[in-house]
PDB file of N, CA and C in Angstrom:
ATOM      1  N   MET A   1     255.024 172.823  37.520  1.00  0.00           N
ATOM      2  CA  MET A   1     253.958 172.582  38.472  1.00  0.00           C
ATOM      3  C   MET A   1     254.321 173.325  39.759  1.00  0.00           C
ATOM      4  N   ASP A   2     253.472 174.218  40.167  1.00  0.00           N
ATOM      5  CA  ASP A   2     253.778 175.002  41.364  1.00  0.00           C
ATOM      6  C   ASP A   2     253.493 174.198  42.637  1.00  0.00           C
ATOM      7  N   VAL A   3     254.004 174.692  43.738  1.00  0.00           N
ATOM      8  CA  VAL A   3     253.906 173.981  45.017  1.00  0.00           C
ATOM      9  C   VAL A   3     252.454 173.785  45.449  1.00  0.00           C
ATOM     10  N   HIS A   4     251.617 174.768  45.207  1.00  0.00           N
ATOM     11  CA  HIS A   4     250.203 174.659  45.580  1.00  0.00           C
ATOM     12  C   HIS A   4     249.546 173.477  44.868  1.00  0.00           C
ATOM     13  N   SER A   5     249.824 173.320  43.580  1.00  0.00           N
ATOM     14  CA  SER A   5     249.254 172.210  42.813  1.00  0.00           C
ATOM     15  C   SER A   5     249.760 170.872  43.315  1.00  0.00           C
ATOM     16  N   VAL A   6     251.030 170.819  43.694  1.00  0.00           N
ATOM     17  CA  VAL A   6     251.605 169.575  44.194  1.00  0.00           C
ATOM     18  C   VAL A   6     250.907 169.157  45.487  1.00  0.00           C
ATOM     19  N   PHE A   7     250.756 170.090  46.416  1.00  0.00           N
ATOM     20  CA  PHE A   7     250.089 169.772  47.676  1.00  0.00           C
ATOM     21  C   PHE A   7     248.627 169.397  47.454  1.00  0.00           C
ATOM     22  N   LEU A   8     247.959 170.083  46.558  1.00  0.00           N
ATOM     23  CA  LEU A   8     246.558 169.787  46.267  1.00  0.00           C
ATOM     24  C   LEU A   8     246.409 168.391  45.660  1.00  0.00           C
ATOM     25  N   THR A   9     247.248 168.071  44.693  1.00  0.00           N
ATOM     26  CA  THR A   9     247.187 166.763  44.045  1.00  0.00           C
ATOM     27  C   THR A   9     247.542 165.649  45.026  1.00  0.00           C
ATOM     28  N   THR A  10     248.585 165.861  45.800  1.00  0.00           N
ATOM     29  CA  THR A  10     249.020 164.851  46.760  1.00  0.00           C
ATOM     30  C   THR A  10     247.949 164.623  47.828  1.00  0.00           C
ATOM     31  N   GLY A  11     247.478 165.696  48.433  1.00  0.00           N
ATOM     32  CA  GLY A  11     246.445 165.568  49.464  1.00  0.00           C
ATOM     33  C   GLY A  11     245.160 164.988  48.917  1.00  0.00           C
ATOM     34  N   GLY A  12     244.786 165.415  47.724  1.00  0.00           N
ATOM     35  CA  GLY A  12     243.561 164.902  47.116  1.00  0.00           C
ATOM     36  C   GLY A  12     243.634 163.416  46.812  1.00  0.00           C
ATOM     37  N   SER A  13     244.783 162.958  46.330  1.00  0.00           N
ATOM     38  CA  SER A  13     244.896 161.536  46.001  1.00  0.00           C
ATOM     39  C   SER A  13     244.956 160.678  47.263  1.00  0.00           C
ATOM     40  N   VAL A  14     245.638 161.160  48.297  1.00  0.00           N
ATOM     41  CA  VAL A  14     245.649 160.425  49.570  1.00  0.00           C
ATOM     42  C   VAL A  14     244.226 160.317  50.110  1.00  0.00           C
ATOM     43  N   LEU A  15     243.503 161.421  50.111  1.00  0.00           N
ATOM     44  CA  LEU A  15     242.125 161.433  50.594  1.00  0.00           C
ATOM     45  C   LEU A  15     241.238 160.511  49.755  1.00  0.00           C
ATOM     46  N   LEU A  16     241.380 160.576  48.435  1.00  0.00           N
ATOM     47  CA  LEU A  16     240.576 159.747  47.538  1.00  0.00           C
ATOM     48  C   LEU A  16     240.760 158.265  47.830  1.00  0.00           C
ATOM     49  N   PHE A  17     242.011 157.820  47.922  1.00  0.00           N
ATOM     50  CA  PHE A  17     242.242 156.397  48.129  1.00  0.00           C
ATOM     51  C   PHE A  17     241.913 155.952  49.550  1.00  0.00           C
ATOM     52  N   ARG A  18     242.048 156.814  50.518  1.00  0.00           N
ATOM     53  CA  ARG A  18     241.625 156.467  51.892  1.00  0.00           C
ATOM     54  C   ARG A  18     240.105 156.336  51.962  1.00  0.00           C
ATOM     55  N   LEU A  19     239.396 157.269  51.313  1.00  0.00           N
ATOM     56  CA  LEU A  19     237.926 157.178  51.288  1.00  0.00           C
ATOM     57  C   LEU A  19     237.469 155.937  50.541  1.00  0.00           C
ATOM     58  N   LEU A  20     238.134 155.638  49.440  1.00  0.00           N
ATOM     59  CA  LEU A  20     237.795 154.444  48.680  1.00  0.00           C
ATOM     60  C   LEU A  20     237.961 153.197  49.536  1.00  0.00           C
ATOM     61  N   ASN A  21     239.071 153.099  50.236  1.00  0.00           N
ATOM     62  CA  ASN A  21     239.310 151.928  51.069  1.00  0.00           C
ATOM     63  C   ASN A  21     238.346 151.860  52.243  1.00  0.00           C
ATOM     64  N   SER A  22     237.952 152.992  52.784  1.00  0.00           N
ATOM     65  CA  SER A  22     236.938 152.984  53.850  1.00  0.00           C
ATOM     66  C   SER A  22     235.612 152.470  53.315  1.00  0.00           C
ATOM     67  N   GLY A  23     235.264 152.902  52.118  1.00  0.00           N
ATOM     68  CA  GLY A  23     234.025 152.441  51.500  1.00  0.00           C
ATOM     69  C   GLY A  23     234.057 150.963  51.160  1.00  0.00           C
ATOM     70  N   LEU A  24     235.232 150.464  50.783  1.00  0.00           N
ATOM     71  CA  LEU A  24     235.349 149.044  50.441  1.00  0.00           C
ATOM     72  C   LEU A  24     235.147 148.143  51.649  1.00  0.00           C
ATOM     73  N   ASN A  25     235.394 148.662  52.841  1.00  0.00           N
ATOM     74  CA  ASN A  25     235.163 147.874  54.053  1.00  0.00           C
ATOM     75  C   ASN A  25     233.694 147.542  54.230  1.00  0.00           C
ATOM     76  N   ARG A  26     232.820 148.317  53.613  1.00  0.00           N
ATOM     77  CA  ARG A  26     231.379 148.124  53.765  1.00  0.00           C
ATOM     78  C   ARG A  26     230.770 147.245  52.668  1.00  0.00           C
ATOM     79  N   LEU A  27     231.557 146.927  51.655  1.00  0.00           N
ATOM     80  CA  LEU A  27     231.047 146.124  50.543  1.00  0.00           C
ATOM     81  C   LEU A  27     231.034 144.639  50.869  1.00  0.00           C
ATOM     82  N   TYR A  28     230.255 143.924  50.106  1.00  0.00           N
ATOM     83  CA  TYR A  28     230.187 142.471  50.228  1.00  0.00           C
ATOM     84  C   TYR A  28     231.533 141.857  49.833  1.00  0.00           C
ATOM     85  N   ILE A  29     231.987 140.892  50.602  1.00  0.00           N
ATOM     86  CA  ILE A  29     233.208 140.161  50.281  1.00  0.00           C
ATOM     87  C   ILE A  29     232.800 138.759  49.866  1.00  0.00           C
ATOM     88  N   PRO A  30     233.187 138.337  48.660  1.00  0.00           N
ATOM     89  CA  PRO A  30     232.815 136.993  48.202  1.00  0.00           C
ATOM     90  C   PRO A  30     233.346 135.905  49.146  1.00  0.00           C
ATOM     91  N   GLU A  31     232.677 134.784  49.139  1.00  0.00           N
ATOM     92  CA  GLU A  31     233.057 133.670  50.017  1.00  0.00           C
ATOM     93  C   GLU A  31     234.517 133.260  49.799  1.00  0.00           C
ATOM     94  N   SER A  32     234.948 133.243  48.554  1.00  0.00           N
ATOM     95  CA  SER A  32     236.321 132.813  48.253  1.00  0.00           C
ATOM     96  C   SER A  32     237.375 133.791  48.760  1.00  0.00           C
ATOM     97  N   ALA A  33     236.980 135.029  49.051  1.00  0.00           N
ATOM     98  CA  ALA A  33     237.933 136.050  49.504  1.00  0.00           C
ATOM     99  C   ALA A  33     237.866 136.297  51.006  1.00  0.00           C
ATOM    100  N   ARG A  34     237.018 135.604  51.707  1.00  0.00           N
ATOM    101  CA  ARG A  34     236.835 135.881  53.142  1.00  0.00           C
ATOM    102  C   ARG A  34     238.027 135.462  53.994  1.00  0.00           C
ATOM    103  N   ARG A  35     238.845 134.585  53.486  1.00  0.00           N
ATOM    104  CA  ARG A  35     240.017 134.169  54.249  1.00  0.00           C
ATOM    105  C   ARG A  35     241.027 135.318  54.362  1.00  0.00           C
ATOM    106  N   ASN A  36     241.153 136.115  53.314  1.00  0.00           N
ATOM    107  CA  ASN A  36     242.064 137.266  53.280  1.00  0.00           C
ATOM    108  C   ASN A  36     241.326 138.485  52.724  1.00  0.00           C
ATOM    109  N   PRO A  37     240.452 139.106  53.504  1.00  0.00           N
ATOM    110  CA  PRO A  37     239.669 140.220  52.970  1.00  0.00           C
ATOM    111  C   PRO A  37     240.515 141.420  52.567  1.00  0.00           C
ATOM    112  N   TRP A  38     241.694 141.603  53.145  1.00  0.00           N
ATOM    113  CA  TRP A  38     242.548 142.730  52.762  1.00  0.00           C
ATOM    114  C   TRP A  38     242.999 142.594  51.315  1.00  0.00           C
ATOM    115  N   LYS A  39     243.184 141.337  50.851  1.00  0.00           N
ATOM    116  CA  LYS A  39     243.576 141.135  49.452  1.00  0.00           C
ATOM    117  C   LYS A  39     242.444 141.559  48.515  1.00  0.00           C
ATOM    118  N   TRP A  40     241.217 141.250  48.906  1.00  0.00           N
ATOM    119  CA  TRP A  40     240.055 141.628  48.095  1.00  0.00           C
ATOM    120  C   TRP A  40     239.962 143.149  47.985  1.00  0.00           C
ATOM    121  N   ARG A  41     240.130 143.855  49.098  1.00  0.00           N
ATOM    122  CA  ARG A  41     240.096 145.316  49.079  1.00  0.00           C
ATOM    123  C   ARG A  41     241.252 145.876  48.236  1.00  0.00           C
ATOM    124  N   ASN A  42     242.406 145.238  48.329  1.00  0.00           N
ATOM    125  CA  ASN A  42     243.549 145.683  47.552  1.00  0.00           C
ATOM    126  C   ASN A  42     243.302 145.491  46.053  1.00  0.00           C
ATOM    127  N   ILE A  43     242.687 144.393  45.683  1.00  0.00           N
ATOM    128  CA  ILE A  43     242.364 144.142  44.278  1.00  0.00           C
ATOM    129  C   ILE A  43     241.375 145.189  43.761  1.00  0.00           C
ATOM    130  N   LEU A  44     240.345 145.496  44.551  1.00  0.00           N
ATOM    131  CA  LEU A  44     239.367 146.499  44.130  1.00  0.00           C
ATOM    132  C   LEU A  44     239.992 147.898  44.042  1.00  0.00           C
ATOM    133  N   THR A  45     240.878 148.218  44.977  1.00  0.00           N
ATOM    134  CA  THR A  45     241.568 149.505  44.929  1.00  0.00           C
ATOM    135  C   THR A  45     242.447 149.590  43.687  1.00  0.00           C
ATOM    136  N   SER A  46     243.139 148.510  43.379  1.00  0.00           N
ATOM    137  CA  SER A  46     243.985 148.477  42.175  1.00  0.00           C
ATOM    138  C   SER A  46     243.147 148.611  40.909  1.00  0.00           C
ATOM    139  N   PHE A  47     241.993 147.967  40.903  1.00  0.00           N
ATOM    140  CA  PHE A  47     241.098 148.067  39.751  1.00  0.00           C
ATOM    141  C   PHE A  47     240.624 149.511  39.553  1.00  0.00           C
ATOM    142  N   PHE A  48     240.233 150.159  40.639  1.00  0.00           N
ATOM    143  CA  PHE A  48     239.809 151.561  40.560  1.00  0.00           C
ATOM    144  C   PHE A  48     240.956 152.440  40.066  1.00  0.00           C
ATOM    145  N   HIS A  49     242.150 152.231  40.594  1.00  0.00           N
ATOM    146  CA  HIS A  49     243.312 153.008  40.159  1.00  0.00           C
ATOM    147  C   HIS A  49     243.574 152.800  38.672  1.00  0.00           C
ATOM    148  N   SER A  50     243.460 151.570  38.201  1.00  0.00           N
ATOM    149  CA  SER A  50     243.673 151.284  36.780  1.00  0.00           C
ATOM    150  C   SER A  50     242.657 151.995  35.897  1.00  0.00           C
ATOM    151  N   LEU A  51     241.401 151.960  36.303  1.00  0.00           N
ATOM    152  CA  LEU A  51     240.370 152.664  35.534  1.00  0.00           C
ATOM    153  C   LEU A  51     240.634 154.166  35.490  1.00  0.00           C
ATOM    154  N   LEU A  52     240.928 154.730  36.660  1.00  0.00           N
ATOM    155  CA  LEU A  52     241.166 156.175  36.762  1.00  0.00           C
ATOM    156  C   LEU A  52     242.363 156.606  35.924  1.00  0.00           C
ATOM    157  N   THR A  53     243.497 155.956  36.125  1.00  0.00           N
ATOM    158  CA  THR A  53     244.708 156.393  35.429  1.00  0.00           C
ATOM    159  C   THR A  53     244.694 156.021  33.949  1.00  0.00           C
ATOM    160  N   GLY A  54     244.004 154.953  33.605  1.00  0.00           N
ATOM    161  CA  GLY A  54     243.889 154.600  32.189  1.00  0.00           C
ATOM    162  C   GLY A  54     243.140 155.659  31.398  1.00  0.00           C
ATOM    163  N   MET A  55     241.994 156.083  31.935  1.00  0.00           N
ATOM    164  CA  MET A  55     241.225 157.134  31.262  1.00  0.00           C
ATOM    165  C   MET A  55     241.985 158.465  31.291  1.00  0.00           C
ATOM    166  N   TRP A  56     242.644 158.726  32.393  1.00  0.00           N
ATOM    167  CA  TRP A  56     243.406 159.966  32.554  1.00  0.00           C
ATOM    168  C   TRP A  56     244.556 160.037  31.549  1.00  0.00           C
ATOM    169  N   SER A  57     245.262 158.927  31.336  1.00  0.00           N
ATOM    170  CA  SER A  57     246.385 158.938  30.409  1.00  0.00           C
ATOM    171  C   SER A  57     245.923 159.138  28.965  1.00  0.00           C
ATOM    172  N   VAL A  58     244.811 158.517  28.608  1.00  0.00           N
ATOM    173  CA  VAL A  58     244.263 158.749  27.266  1.00  0.00           C
ATOM    174  C   VAL A  58     243.889 160.218  27.107  1.00  0.00           C
ATOM    175  N   LEU A  59     243.302 160.804  28.126  1.00  0.00           N
ATOM    176  CA  LEU A  59     242.948 162.218  28.101  1.00  0.00           C
ATOM    177  C   LEU A  59     244.189 163.103  27.995  1.00  0.00           C
ATOM    178  N   CYS A  60     245.263 162.724  28.663  1.00  0.00           N
ATOM    179  CA  CYS A  60     246.525 163.483  28.563  1.00  0.00           C
ATOM    180  C   CYS A  60     247.004 163.547  27.110  1.00  0.00           C
ATOM    181  N   PHE A  61     246.988 162.411  26.421  1.00  0.00           N
ATOM    182  CA  PHE A  61     247.430 162.393  25.022  1.00  0.00           C
ATOM    183  C   PHE A  61     246.439 163.098  24.108  1.00  0.00           C
ATOM    184  N   TYR A  62     245.177 163.039  24.449  1.00  0.00           N
ATOM    185  CA  TYR A  62     244.182 163.742  23.643  1.00  0.00           C
ATOM    186  C   TYR A  62     244.353 165.258  23.756  1.00  0.00           C
ATOM    187  N   LEU A  63     244.570 165.740  24.980  1.00  0.00           N
ATOM    188  CA  LEU A  63     244.715 167.178  25.199  1.00  0.00           C
ATOM    189  C   LEU A  63     246.078 167.712  24.759  1.00  0.00           C
ATOM    190  N   HIS A  64     247.097 166.862  24.790  1.00  0.00           N
ATOM    191  CA  HIS A  64     248.459 167.277  24.425  1.00  0.00           C
ATOM    192  C   HIS A  64     249.060 166.247  23.481  1.00  0.00           C
ATOM    193  N   PRO A  65     248.621 166.224  22.221  1.00  0.00           N
ATOM    194  CA  PRO A  65     249.068 165.187  21.282  1.00  0.00           C
ATOM    195  C   PRO A  65     250.573 165.223  21.005  1.00  0.00           C
ATOM    196  N   GLN A  66     251.226 166.344  21.265  1.00  0.00           N
ATOM    197  CA  GLN A  66     252.668 166.419  21.034  1.00  0.00           C
ATOM    198  C   GLN A  66     253.436 165.488  21.973  1.00  0.00           C
ATOM    199  N   MET A  67     252.821 165.027  23.029  1.00  0.00           N
ATOM    200  CA  MET A  67     253.472 164.079  23.939  1.00  0.00           C
ATOM    201  C   MET A  67     253.731 162.743  23.260  1.00  0.00           C
ATOM    202  N   ALA A  68     252.954 162.406  22.248  1.00  0.00           N
ATOM    203  CA  ALA A  68     253.133 161.137  21.545  1.00  0.00           C
ATOM    204  C   ALA A  68     254.453 161.102  20.783  1.00  0.00           C
ATOM    205  N   GLU A  69     254.976 162.256  20.435  1.00  0.00           N
ATOM    206  CA  GLU A  69     256.226 162.313  19.689  1.00  0.00           C
ATOM    207  C   GLU A  69     257.452 162.421  20.587  1.00  0.00           C
ATOM    208  N   ASP A  70     257.308 163.049  21.761  1.00  0.00           N
ATOM    209  CA  ASP A  70     258.465 163.245  22.640  1.00  0.00           C
ATOM    210  C   ASP A  70     258.004 163.281  24.096  1.00  0.00           C
ATOM    211  N   LEU A  71     258.124 162.137  24.758  1.00  0.00           N
ATOM    212  CA  LEU A  71     257.693 162.053  26.158  1.00  0.00           C
ATOM    213  C   LEU A  71     258.741 162.598  27.123  1.00  0.00           C
ATOM    214  N   ILE A  72     259.963 162.770  26.665  1.00  0.00           N
ATOM    215  CA  ILE A  72     261.033 163.231  27.551  1.00  0.00           C
ATOM    216  C   ILE A  72     260.912 164.724  27.841  1.00  0.00           C
ATOM    217  N   SER A  73     260.806 165.520  26.812  1.00  0.00           N
ATOM    218  CA  SER A  73     260.793 166.971  27.031  1.00  0.00           C
ATOM    219  C   SER A  73     259.406 167.596  26.905  1.00  0.00           C
ATOM    220  N   THR A  74     258.410 166.807  26.557  1.00  0.00           N
ATOM    221  CA  THR A  74     257.050 167.338  26.426  1.00  0.00           C
ATOM    222  C   THR A  74     256.164 166.729  27.505  1.00  0.00           C
ATOM    223  N   HIS A  75     255.577 167.581  28.304  1.00  0.00           N
ATOM    224  CA  HIS A  75     254.629 167.132  29.324  1.00  0.00           C
ATOM    225  C   HIS A  75     253.736 168.314  29.691  1.00  0.00           C
ATOM    226  N   SER A  76     252.724 168.024  30.460  1.00  0.00           N
ATOM    227  CA  SER A  76     251.800 169.074  30.885  1.00  0.00           C
ATOM    228  C   SER A  76     251.579 168.959  32.391  1.00  0.00           C
ATOM    229  N   VAL A  77     250.959 169.949  32.959  1.00  0.00           N
ATOM    230  CA  VAL A  77     250.614 169.897  34.378  1.00  0.00           C
ATOM    231  C   VAL A  77     249.655 168.727  34.620  1.00  0.00           C
ATOM    232  N   PHE A  78     248.791 168.487  33.658  1.00  0.00           N
ATOM    233  CA  PHE A  78     247.825 167.396  33.754  1.00  0.00           C
ATOM    234  C   PHE A  78     248.535 166.046  33.834  1.00  0.00           C
ATOM    235  N   SER A  79     249.577 165.854  33.025  1.00  0.00           N
ATOM    236  CA  SER A  79     250.320 164.592  33.066  1.00  0.00           C
ATOM    237  C   SER A  79     251.185 164.499  34.321  1.00  0.00           C
ATOM    238  N   HIS A  80     251.699 165.613  34.797  1.00  0.00           N
ATOM    239  CA  HIS A  80     252.427 165.627  36.075  1.00  0.00           C
ATOM    240  C   HIS A  80     251.502 165.183  37.203  1.00  0.00           C
ATOM    241  N   ALA A  81     250.282 165.669  37.196  1.00  0.00           N
ATOM    242  CA  ALA A  81     249.316 165.302  38.228  1.00  0.00           C
ATOM    243  C   ALA A  81     249.007 163.808  38.165  1.00  0.00           C
ATOM    244  N   LEU A  82     248.943 163.253  36.965  1.00  0.00           N
ATOM    245  CA  LEU A  82     248.709 161.817  36.805  1.00  0.00           C
ATOM    246  C   LEU A  82     249.819 161.012  37.471  1.00  0.00           C
ATOM    247  N   VAL A  83     251.057 161.409  37.254  1.00  0.00           N
ATOM    248  CA  VAL A  83     252.184 160.722  37.876  1.00  0.00           C
ATOM    249  C   VAL A  83     252.127 160.881  39.395  1.00  0.00           C
ATOM    250  N   SER A  84     251.789 162.059  39.856  1.00  0.00           N
ATOM    251  CA  SER A  84     251.696 162.307  41.289  1.00  0.00           C
ATOM    252  C   SER A  84     250.632 161.423  41.943  1.00  0.00           C
ATOM    253  N   VAL A  85     249.485 161.318  41.322  1.00  0.00           N
ATOM    254  CA  VAL A  85     248.400 160.480  41.855  1.00  0.00           C
ATOM    255  C   VAL A  85     248.832 159.014  41.887  1.00  0.00           C
ATOM    256  N   SER A  86     249.534 158.565  40.853  1.00  0.00           N
ATOM    257  CA  SER A  86     249.982 157.170  40.823  1.00  0.00           C
ATOM    258  C   SER A  86     251.013 156.886  41.904  1.00  0.00           C
ATOM    259  N   ILE A  87     251.913 157.816  42.133  1.00  0.00           N
ATOM    260  CA  ILE A  87     252.907 157.633  43.193  1.00  0.00           C
ATOM    261  C   ILE A  87     252.231 157.589  44.552  1.00  0.00           C
ATOM    262  N   GLU A  88     251.275 158.476  44.772  1.00  0.00           N
ATOM    263  CA  GLU A  88     250.551 158.473  46.039  1.00  0.00           C
ATOM    264  C   GLU A  88     249.749 157.189  46.209  1.00  0.00           C
ATOM    265  N   TYR A  89     249.171 156.694  45.119  1.00  0.00           N
ATOM    266  CA  TYR A  89     248.419 155.435  45.172  1.00  0.00           C
ATOM    267  C   TYR A  89     249.325 154.308  45.664  1.00  0.00           C
ATOM    268  N   MET A  90     250.537 154.257  45.122  1.00  0.00           N
ATOM    269  CA  MET A  90     251.476 153.200  45.532  1.00  0.00           C
ATOM    270  C   MET A  90     251.806 153.319  47.021  1.00  0.00           C
ATOM    271  N   GLY A  91     252.050 154.521  47.489  1.00  0.00           N
ATOM    272  CA  GLY A  91     252.379 154.719  48.900  1.00  0.00           C
ATOM    273  C   GLY A  91     251.216 154.411  49.819  1.00  0.00           C
ATOM    274  N   VAL A  92     250.042 154.902  49.486  1.00  0.00           N
ATOM    275  CA  VAL A  92     248.859 154.673  50.324  1.00  0.00           C
ATOM    276  C   VAL A  92     248.488 153.195  50.321  1.00  0.00           C
ATOM    277  N   THR A  93     248.547 152.555  49.174  1.00  0.00           N
ATOM    278  CA  THR A  93     248.194 151.143  49.085  1.00  0.00           C
ATOM    279  C   THR A  93     249.163 150.294  49.889  1.00  0.00           C
ATOM    280  N   LYS A  94     250.443 150.596  49.819  1.00  0.00           N
ATOM    281  CA  LYS A  94     251.441 149.851  50.606  1.00  0.00           C
ATOM    282  C   LYS A  94     251.148 150.010  52.091  1.00  0.00           C
ATOM    283  N   HIS A  95     250.897 151.236  52.509  1.00  0.00           N
ATOM    284  CA  HIS A  95     250.607 151.491  53.922  1.00  0.00           C
ATOM    285  C   HIS A  95     249.334 150.760  54.365  1.00  0.00           C
ATOM    286  N   LEU A  96     248.286 150.848  53.564  1.00  0.00           N
ATOM    287  CA  LEU A  96     247.024 150.201  53.925  1.00  0.00           C
ATOM    288  C   LEU A  96     247.144 148.684  53.903  1.00  0.00           C
ATOM    289  N   ALA A  97     247.868 148.142  52.931  1.00  0.00           N
ATOM    290  CA  ALA A  97     248.043 146.687  52.870  1.00  0.00           C
ATOM    291  C   ALA A  97     248.785 146.192  54.101  1.00  0.00           C
ATOM    292  N   ASP A  98     249.794 146.933  54.531  1.00  0.00           N
ATOM    293  CA  ASP A  98     250.512 146.546  55.745  1.00  0.00           C
ATOM    294  C   ASP A  98     249.586 146.582  56.959  1.00  0.00           C
ATOM    295  N   SER A  99     248.751 147.619  57.049  1.00  0.00           N
ATOM    296  CA  SER A  99     247.837 147.704  58.193  1.00  0.00           C
ATOM    297  C   SER A  99     246.752 146.636  58.112  1.00  0.00           C
ATOM    298  N   TRP A 100     246.303 146.285  56.891  1.00  0.00           N
ATOM    299  CA  TRP A 100     245.308 145.219  56.751  1.00  0.00           C
ATOM    300  C   TRP A 100     245.888 143.888  57.201  1.00  0.00           C
ATOM    301  N   LYS A 101     247.135 143.629  56.841  1.00  0.00           N
ATOM    302  CA  LYS A 101     247.772 142.375  57.238  1.00  0.00           C
ATOM    303  C   LYS A 101     247.897 142.320  58.758  1.00  0.00           C
ATOM    304  N   ASP A 102     248.239 143.452  59.362  1.00  0.00           N
ATOM    305  CA  ASP A 102     248.338 143.503  60.816  1.00  0.00           C
ATOM    306  C   ASP A 102     246.987 143.226  61.472  1.00  0.00           C
ATOM    307  N   ASP A 103     245.918 143.779  60.877  1.00  0.00           N
ATOM    308  CA  ASP A 103     244.569 143.551  61.405  1.00  0.00           C
ATOM    309  C   ASP A 103     244.191 142.076  61.327  1.00  0.00           C
ATOM    310  N   GLU A 104     244.597 141.430  60.244  1.00  0.00           N
ATOM    311  CA  GLU A 104     244.235 140.033  60.051  1.00  0.00           C
ATOM    312  C   GLU A 104     244.991 139.131  61.008  1.00  0.00           C
ATOM    313  N   SER A 105     246.211 139.514  61.385  1.00  0.00           N
ATOM    314  CA  SER A 105     247.001 138.634  62.237  1.00  0.00           C
ATOM    315  C   SER A 105     246.646 138.759  63.716  1.00  0.00           C
ATOM    316  N   THR A 106     245.893 139.805  64.091  1.00  0.00           N
ATOM    317  CA  THR A 106     245.533 139.970  65.502  1.00  0.00           C
ATOM    318  C   THR A 106     244.249 139.270  65.836  1.00  0.00           C
TER     319      THR A 106
END
């Protein structure tokens, strides 16, 4: 995976999850979740990430079936990008959850 692809994937995933979280601020929050709205946004973000990476991982195995036999030495740029997006999701979500908690305590 070349450096250009790494920066593109990293920047794109940060942007995607930031936009998603901005959009979630405008959605309806159920009555049961109004006490901690940051948790509700975090749950929806996690759900979106699960849908995205679940479909992506199935596609990785479909496009590169040899990965099913050897995950250690067989991979593709597509599967590298999947891992990169997941790592960025974890970092962005941690950062946003911390900022949401700070917002709630003020």
